[in-house]
Amino acid sequence: MNADTAAPVGTTGGELPAIEFVCPMPGFANNRRFVLVRVDEDGLLYSLRSLEDPDLRFLVISPNPFFPAYEPEIGDETLDMLGADASSELLVLLIVTAPGSITDATANLLAPIVVDTRTRRAVQTVLSGSDLPVRAPLVSA
């Protein structure tokens, strides 16, 4: 099943709905509940903030503006973990590492976060059999 890389959930005003990770992200076993908050006016950059640890947040993006040809194949195991079916709408998010300026920023294409927008269940998955980079530059130098 191909995942849609639509606009992130929880980007309007008011209380943001929680996203629940069915399996914690590697290295963050005590953090399963997050909210997605828009960081910039253009809606390109988001903060995935932990509800368990207010100091834990990840910068994430929807792939389309930066990687329009990115079409990850989401495996059956990931779909089963999410409880997703053919009617599910999946949102793909990429974790961004921004050590300094935007020219140094990279996105992890190999291990996207997949969110079932209907149930708000999420998982970070590694795209098996893929040679996609863990550090793909966001902008060309």
N, C-alpha and C. Protein backbone atom coordinates (compact mmCIF):
# COMPACT_ATOMS: atom_id res chain seq x y z
N MET A 1 0.85 -1.18 0.00
CA MET A 1 0.00 0.00 0.00
C MET A 1 0.89 1.24 0.00
N ASN A 2 0.63 2.16 -0.90
CA ASN A 2 1.34 3.43 -0.92
C ASN A 2 0.70 4.37 0.08
N ALA A 3 1.52 5.13 0.75
CA ALA A 3 0.99 6.09 1.73
C ALA A 3 0.84 7.44 1.07
N ASP A 4 -0.19 8.13 1.46
CA ASP A 4 -0.41 9.50 1.01
C ASP A 4 0.44 10.40 1.89
N THR A 5 0.99 11.43 1.30
CA THR A 5 1.79 12.36 2.09
C THR A 5 1.05 13.68 2.18
N ALA A 6 -0.17 13.60 2.72
CA ALA A 6 -1.06 14.76 2.84
C ALA A 6 -0.61 15.66 3.97
N ALA A 7 -1.37 16.73 4.18
CA ALA A 7 -1.05 17.68 5.24
C ALA A 7 -1.15 17.03 6.60
N PRO A 8 -0.24 17.36 7.52
CA PRO A 8 -0.26 16.78 8.86
C PRO A 8 -1.54 17.09 9.63
N VAL A 9 -1.87 16.19 10.53
CA VAL A 9 -3.05 16.35 11.37
C VAL A 9 -2.75 17.32 12.50
N GLY A 10 -3.82 17.83 13.11
CA GLY A 10 -3.65 18.67 14.29
C GLY A 10 -3.01 20.00 14.01
N THR A 11 -3.30 20.58 12.84
CA THR A 11 -2.63 21.82 12.49
C THR A 11 -3.54 23.03 12.57
N THR A 12 -4.75 22.86 13.04
CA THR A 12 -5.65 23.99 13.18
C THR A 12 -5.66 24.46 14.62
N GLY A 13 -6.37 25.56 14.90
CA GLY A 13 -6.40 26.11 16.25
C GLY A 13 -7.11 25.19 17.22
N GLY A 14 -7.08 25.56 18.49
CA GLY A 14 -7.73 24.76 19.52
C GLY A 14 -6.81 23.68 20.05
N GLU A 15 -7.40 22.79 20.85
CA GLU A 15 -6.63 21.71 21.44
C GLU A 15 -6.23 20.72 20.36
N LEU A 16 -4.96 20.31 20.37
CA LEU A 16 -4.45 19.41 19.35
C LEU A 16 -4.71 17.96 19.75
N PRO A 17 -5.15 17.15 18.80
CA PRO A 17 -5.37 15.73 19.11
C PRO A 17 -4.04 15.00 19.30
N ALA A 18 -4.03 14.07 20.21
CA ALA A 18 -2.82 13.30 20.49
C ALA A 18 -2.62 12.23 19.42
N ILE A 19 -1.38 12.02 19.08
CA ILE A 19 -0.97 10.92 18.21
C ILE A 19 -0.33 9.89 19.12
N GLU A 20 -0.79 8.65 19.03
CA GLU A 20 -0.31 7.58 19.91
C GLU A 20 0.57 6.62 19.11
N PHE A 21 1.84 6.48 19.51
CA PHE A 21 2.74 5.52 18.87
C PHE A 21 2.43 4.13 19.40
N VAL A 22 2.16 3.20 18.49
CA VAL A 22 1.85 1.83 18.91
C VAL A 22 3.10 1.11 19.39
N CYS A 23 4.23 1.61 18.97
CA CYS A 23 5.53 1.10 19.40
C CYS A 23 6.41 2.35 19.54
N PRO A 24 7.05 2.54 20.69
CA PRO A 24 7.82 3.77 20.86
C PRO A 24 8.97 3.88 19.85
N MET A 25 9.34 5.09 19.54
CA MET A 25 10.48 5.31 18.65
C MET A 25 11.74 4.83 19.35
N PRO A 26 12.69 4.30 18.59
CA PRO A 26 13.93 3.80 19.20
C PRO A 26 14.60 4.86 20.07
N GLY A 27 14.92 4.47 21.29
CA GLY A 27 15.58 5.36 22.23
C GLY A 27 14.63 6.20 23.08
N PHE A 28 13.31 6.07 22.85
CA PHE A 28 12.35 6.88 23.58
C PHE A 28 11.21 6.01 24.10
N ALA A 29 11.55 4.98 24.85
CA ALA A 29 10.60 3.98 25.32
C ALA A 29 9.46 4.55 26.16
N ASN A 30 9.70 5.64 26.87
CA ASN A 30 8.68 6.20 27.77
C ASN A 30 7.83 7.28 27.12
N ASN A 31 7.95 7.43 25.80
CA ASN A 31 7.23 8.49 25.10
C ASN A 31 6.43 7.89 23.95
N ARG A 32 5.12 7.83 24.14
CA ARG A 32 4.25 7.27 23.11
C ARG A 32 3.21 8.26 22.61
N ARG A 33 2.93 9.30 23.40
CA ARG A 33 1.89 10.26 23.02
C ARG A 33 2.51 11.59 22.62
N PHE A 34 2.13 12.07 21.44
CA PHE A 34 2.69 13.30 20.88
C PHE A 34 1.58 14.15 20.29
N VAL A 35 1.87 15.42 20.10
CA VAL A 35 1.00 16.30 19.33
C VAL A 35 1.85 16.89 18.21
N LEU A 36 1.19 17.21 17.10
CA LEU A 36 1.84 17.77 15.94
C LEU A 36 1.47 19.25 15.84
N VAL A 37 2.49 20.12 15.89
CA VAL A 37 2.26 21.56 15.93
C VAL A 37 3.02 22.22 14.77
N ARG A 38 2.31 23.05 14.01
CA ARG A 38 2.95 23.77 12.90
C ARG A 38 3.95 24.77 13.47
N VAL A 39 5.15 24.83 12.87
CA VAL A 39 6.21 25.71 13.33
C VAL A 39 6.30 26.98 12.48
N ASP A 40 6.03 26.87 11.18
CA ASP A 40 6.17 28.03 10.30
C ASP A 40 4.84 28.37 9.63
N GLU A 41 4.74 29.59 9.12
CA GLU A 41 3.50 30.06 8.51
C GLU A 41 3.13 29.30 7.25
N ASP A 42 4.13 28.80 6.52
CA ASP A 42 3.88 28.10 5.26
C ASP A 42 3.41 26.66 5.46
N GLY A 43 3.49 26.16 6.69
CA GLY A 43 3.07 24.78 6.95
C GLY A 43 4.03 23.75 6.40
N LEU A 44 5.31 24.10 6.34
CA LEU A 44 6.31 23.15 5.85
C LEU A 44 7.00 22.40 6.98
N LEU A 45 7.11 23.04 8.12
CA LEU A 45 7.86 22.47 9.24
C LEU A 45 6.94 22.32 10.44
N TYR A 46 7.02 21.16 11.08
CA TYR A 46 6.19 20.85 12.24
C TYR A 46 7.05 20.36 13.38
N SER A 47 6.52 20.51 14.57
CA SER A 47 7.16 19.98 15.77
C SER A 47 6.28 18.84 16.29
N LEU A 48 6.88 17.69 16.45
CA LEU A 48 6.19 16.53 17.04
C LEU A 48 6.61 16.52 18.50
N ARG A 49 5.70 16.96 19.39
CA ARG A 49 6.03 17.17 20.80
C ARG A 49 5.47 16.07 21.68
N SER A 50 6.32 15.58 22.56
CA SER A 50 5.91 14.53 23.49
C SER A 50 4.98 15.10 24.55
N LEU A 51 3.92 14.37 24.87
CA LEU A 51 3.04 14.76 25.97
C LEU A 51 3.57 14.25 27.31
N GLU A 52 4.46 13.25 27.27
CA GLU A 52 5.04 12.72 28.51
C GLU A 52 6.26 13.51 28.97
N ASP A 53 6.99 14.10 28.01
CA ASP A 53 8.20 14.85 28.32
C ASP A 53 8.16 16.17 27.55
N PRO A 54 7.82 17.28 28.20
CA PRO A 54 7.66 18.55 27.49
C PRO A 54 8.94 19.04 26.80
N ASP A 55 10.09 18.50 27.18
CA ASP A 55 11.35 18.91 26.56
C ASP A 55 11.70 18.09 25.32
N LEU A 56 10.91 17.04 25.04
CA LEU A 56 11.21 16.17 23.89
C LEU A 56 10.35 16.58 22.71
N ARG A 57 11.02 16.91 21.62
CA ARG A 57 10.31 17.23 20.38
C ARG A 57 11.20 16.90 19.20
N PHE A 58 10.54 16.58 18.11
CA PHE A 58 11.23 16.28 16.87
C PHE A 58 10.74 17.24 15.80
N LEU A 59 11.63 17.73 14.96
CA LEU A 59 11.23 18.49 13.79
C LEU A 59 10.83 17.49 12.72
N VAL A 60 9.68 17.68 12.11
CA VAL A 60 9.21 16.78 11.06
C VAL A 60 8.64 17.58 9.90
N ILE A 61 8.63 16.94 8.73
CA ILE A 61 8.07 17.54 7.53
C ILE A 61 7.23 16.51 6.80
N SER A 62 6.31 17.00 5.99
CA SER A 62 5.66 16.18 5.00
C SER A 62 6.65 16.12 3.83
N PRO A 63 6.85 14.96 3.23
CA PRO A 63 7.87 14.85 2.19
C PRO A 63 7.61 15.62 0.91
N ASN A 64 6.34 15.81 0.53
CA ASN A 64 6.01 16.37 -0.79
C ASN A 64 6.75 17.64 -1.18
N PRO A 65 6.83 18.67 -0.34
CA PRO A 65 7.50 19.90 -0.78
C PRO A 65 9.00 19.73 -1.04
N PHE A 66 9.62 18.80 -0.37
CA PHE A 66 11.07 18.63 -0.45
C PHE A 66 11.49 17.44 -1.31
N PHE A 67 10.68 16.38 -1.29
CA PHE A 67 11.00 15.14 -1.99
C PHE A 67 9.76 14.67 -2.76
N PRO A 68 9.38 15.37 -3.84
CA PRO A 68 8.11 15.05 -4.52
C PRO A 68 8.05 13.64 -5.10
N ALA A 69 9.18 13.04 -5.38
CA ALA A 69 9.18 11.68 -5.94
C ALA A 69 9.17 10.59 -4.85
N TYR A 70 9.19 10.99 -3.60
CA TYR A 70 9.24 10.03 -2.48
C TYR A 70 7.89 9.35 -2.34
N GLU A 71 7.86 8.05 -2.57
CA GLU A 71 6.64 7.25 -2.45
C GLU A 71 6.97 5.97 -1.71
N PRO A 72 7.04 6.04 -0.38
CA PRO A 72 7.43 4.84 0.38
C PRO A 72 6.37 3.75 0.29
N GLU A 73 6.83 2.52 0.16
CA GLU A 73 5.94 1.37 0.21
C GLU A 73 5.82 0.96 1.68
N ILE A 74 4.64 1.12 2.23
CA ILE A 74 4.40 0.78 3.62
C ILE A 74 4.03 -0.69 3.68
N GLY A 75 4.83 -1.47 4.41
CA GLY A 75 4.66 -2.91 4.46
C GLY A 75 3.46 -3.35 5.27
N ASP A 76 3.05 -4.59 5.04
CA ASP A 76 1.91 -5.18 5.74
C ASP A 76 2.10 -5.20 7.25
N GLU A 77 3.33 -5.44 7.70
CA GLU A 77 3.60 -5.49 9.14
C GLU A 77 3.30 -4.14 9.79
N THR A 78 3.70 -3.06 9.12
CA THR A 78 3.43 -1.71 9.63
C THR A 78 1.94 -1.44 9.64
N LEU A 79 1.26 -1.80 8.56
CA LEU A 79 -0.19 -1.61 8.49
C LEU A 79 -0.90 -2.39 9.59
N ASP A 80 -0.44 -3.62 9.85
CA ASP A 80 -1.03 -4.43 10.92
C ASP A 80 -0.82 -3.77 12.29
N MET A 81 0.38 -3.23 12.51
CA MET A 81 0.65 -2.57 13.79
C MET A 81 -0.28 -1.38 14.01
N LEU A 82 -0.59 -0.67 12.92
CA LEU A 82 -1.47 0.49 13.02
C LEU A 82 -2.94 0.10 13.06
N GLY A 83 -3.23 -1.14 12.67
CA GLY A 83 -4.62 -1.55 12.54
C GLY A 83 -5.25 -0.89 11.33
N ALA A 84 -4.42 -0.54 10.34
CA ALA A 84 -4.88 0.17 9.15
C ALA A 84 -5.44 -0.81 8.13
N ASP A 85 -6.42 -0.31 7.35
CA ASP A 85 -6.97 -1.12 6.28
C ASP A 85 -7.03 -0.27 5.01
N ALA A 86 -7.67 -0.79 3.99
CA ALA A 86 -7.72 -0.11 2.69
C ALA A 86 -8.37 1.27 2.78
N SER A 87 -9.25 1.47 3.75
CA SER A 87 -9.93 2.76 3.88
C SER A 87 -9.15 3.77 4.73
N SER A 88 -8.06 3.33 5.31
CA SER A 88 -7.26 4.21 6.17
C SER A 88 -6.55 5.27 5.34
N GLU A 89 -6.45 6.45 5.92
CA GLU A 89 -5.67 7.52 5.31
C GLU A 89 -4.39 7.64 6.10
N LEU A 90 -3.27 7.39 5.42
CA LEU A 90 -1.98 7.42 6.08
C LEU A 90 -1.25 8.71 5.78
N LEU A 91 -0.65 9.25 6.81
CA LEU A 91 0.18 10.44 6.71
C LEU A 91 1.61 10.01 6.95
N VAL A 92 2.52 10.43 6.07
CA VAL A 92 3.93 10.13 6.22
C VAL A 92 4.65 11.40 6.64
N LEU A 93 5.47 11.28 7.67
CA LEU A 93 6.28 12.39 8.16
C LEU A 93 7.74 11.95 8.18
N LEU A 94 8.63 12.88 7.90
CA LEU A 94 10.06 12.61 7.93
C LEU A 94 10.70 13.41 9.07
N ILE A 95 11.56 12.76 9.83
CA ILE A 95 12.28 13.45 10.90
C ILE A 95 13.43 14.24 10.29
N VAL A 96 13.54 15.50 10.71
CA VAL A 96 14.55 16.41 10.19
C VAL A 96 15.62 16.63 11.25
N THR A 97 16.86 16.63 10.81
CA THR A 97 17.98 17.01 11.65
C THR A 97 18.47 18.34 11.13
N ALA A 98 18.49 19.35 11.98
CA ALA A 98 18.91 20.70 11.58
C ALA A 98 20.00 21.19 12.50
N PRO A 99 21.26 20.82 12.20
CA PRO A 99 22.35 21.18 13.10
C PRO A 99 22.71 22.65 13.09
N GLY A 100 22.35 23.37 12.06
CA GLY A 100 22.69 24.79 11.98
C GLY A 100 21.71 25.48 11.05
N SER A 101 22.19 25.85 9.90
CA SER A 101 21.35 26.54 8.93
C SER A 101 20.53 25.54 8.11
N ILE A 102 19.57 26.06 7.35
CA ILE A 102 18.73 25.21 6.52
C ILE A 102 19.56 24.45 5.49
N THR A 103 20.69 25.00 5.08
CA THR A 103 21.52 24.31 4.09
C THR A 103 22.17 23.05 4.67
N ASP A 104 22.22 22.94 6.00
CA ASP A 104 22.78 21.76 6.65
C ASP A 104 21.72 20.75 7.05
N ALA A 105 20.46 21.10 6.93
CA ALA A 105 19.37 20.24 7.39
C ALA A 105 19.21 19.02 6.49
N THR A 106 18.90 17.88 7.13
CA THR A 106 18.67 16.63 6.40
C THR A 106 17.40 15.97 6.90
N ALA A 107 16.85 15.09 6.07
CA ALA A 107 15.66 14.34 6.45
C ALA A 107 15.95 12.85 6.34
N ASN A 108 15.35 12.08 7.24
CA ASN A 108 15.50 10.63 7.25
C ASN A 108 14.45 10.01 6.33
N LEU A 109 14.86 9.61 5.13
CA LEU A 109 13.94 8.99 4.17
C LEU A 109 13.77 7.50 4.42
N LEU A 110 14.72 6.89 5.11
CA LEU A 110 14.69 5.45 5.34
C LEU A 110 13.71 5.03 6.43
N ALA A 111 13.49 5.90 7.43
CA ALA A 111 12.65 5.53 8.57
C ALA A 111 11.58 6.58 8.82
N PRO A 112 10.56 6.63 7.95
CA PRO A 112 9.50 7.62 8.14
C PRO A 112 8.58 7.27 9.31
N ILE A 113 7.88 8.26 9.78
CA ILE A 113 6.80 8.06 10.74
C ILE A 113 5.52 7.95 9.92
N VAL A 114 4.74 6.92 10.20
CA VAL A 114 3.48 6.71 9.49
C VAL A 114 2.35 6.85 10.50
N VAL A 115 1.37 7.72 10.16
CA VAL A 115 0.24 7.99 11.05
C VAL A 115 -1.05 7.63 10.32
N ASP A 116 -1.89 6.83 10.97
CA ASP A 116 -3.25 6.59 10.47
C ASP A 116 -4.06 7.78 10.94
N THR A 117 -4.45 8.65 10.02
CA THR A 117 -5.12 9.89 10.41
C THR A 117 -6.51 9.65 11.00
N ARG A 118 -7.09 8.50 10.72
CA ARG A 118 -8.42 8.19 11.26
C ARG A 118 -8.34 7.84 12.74
N THR A 119 -7.36 7.00 13.11
CA THR A 119 -7.24 6.54 14.49
C THR A 119 -6.18 7.31 15.29
N ARG A 120 -5.34 8.07 14.57
CA ARG A 120 -4.22 8.81 15.15
C ARG A 120 -3.20 7.88 15.81
N ARG A 121 -3.12 6.67 15.31
CA ARG A 121 -2.07 5.73 15.74
C ARG A 121 -0.89 5.88 14.80
N ALA A 122 0.33 5.79 15.37
CA ALA A 122 1.53 6.04 14.58
C ALA A 122 2.60 5.00 14.88
N VAL A 123 3.54 4.90 13.95
CA VAL A 123 4.71 4.05 14.13
C VAL A 123 5.83 4.60 13.25
N GLN A 124 7.06 4.52 13.76
CA GLN A 124 8.20 4.82 12.91
C GLN A 124 8.65 3.50 12.32
N THR A 125 8.74 3.43 11.02
CA THR A 125 9.06 2.18 10.34
C THR A 125 10.33 2.34 9.51
N VAL A 126 11.09 1.25 9.41
CA VAL A 126 12.25 1.23 8.53
C VAL A 126 11.81 0.56 7.24
N LEU A 127 12.05 1.22 6.13
CA LEU A 127 11.64 0.70 4.83
C LEU A 127 12.62 -0.39 4.40
N SER A 128 12.26 -1.64 4.65
CA SER A 128 13.15 -2.76 4.37
C SER A 128 13.40 -2.90 2.88
N GLY A 129 14.60 -3.32 2.54
CA GLY A 129 14.97 -3.50 1.14
C GLY A 129 15.16 -2.20 0.39
N SER A 130 15.31 -1.11 1.12
CA SER A 130 15.43 0.20 0.49
C SER A 130 16.85 0.73 0.65
N ASP A 131 17.30 1.49 -0.33
CA ASP A 131 18.60 2.13 -0.22
C ASP A 131 18.45 3.64 -0.02
N LEU A 132 17.28 4.04 0.49
CA LEU A 132 17.02 5.45 0.76
C LEU A 132 17.95 5.95 1.86
N PRO A 133 18.36 7.21 1.79
CA PRO A 133 19.31 7.74 2.78
C PRO A 133 18.64 8.10 4.11
N VAL A 134 19.45 8.03 5.15
CA VAL A 134 19.05 8.47 6.48
C VAL A 134 19.23 9.99 6.59
N ARG A 135 20.13 10.54 5.78
CA ARG A 135 20.42 11.98 5.83
C ARG A 135 20.35 12.57 4.42
N ALA A 136 19.16 12.76 3.92
CA ALA A 136 18.98 13.39 2.61
C ALA A 136 18.91 14.91 2.79
N PRO A 137 19.74 15.67 2.07
CA PRO A 137 19.71 17.13 2.21
C PRO A 137 18.33 17.70 1.85
N LEU A 138 17.83 18.65 2.64
CA LEU A 138 16.55 19.29 2.36
C LEU A 138 16.62 20.25 1.19
N VAL A 139 17.75 20.90 1.06
CA VAL A 139 17.94 21.85 -0.04
C VAL A 139 19.25 21.53 -0.76
N SER A 140 19.27 21.83 -2.05
CA SER A 140 20.50 21.65 -2.83
C SER A 140 21.47 22.76 -2.51
N ALA A 141 22.72 22.37 -2.41
CA ALA A 141 23.75 23.37 -2.08
C ALA A 141 24.07 24.24 -3.27
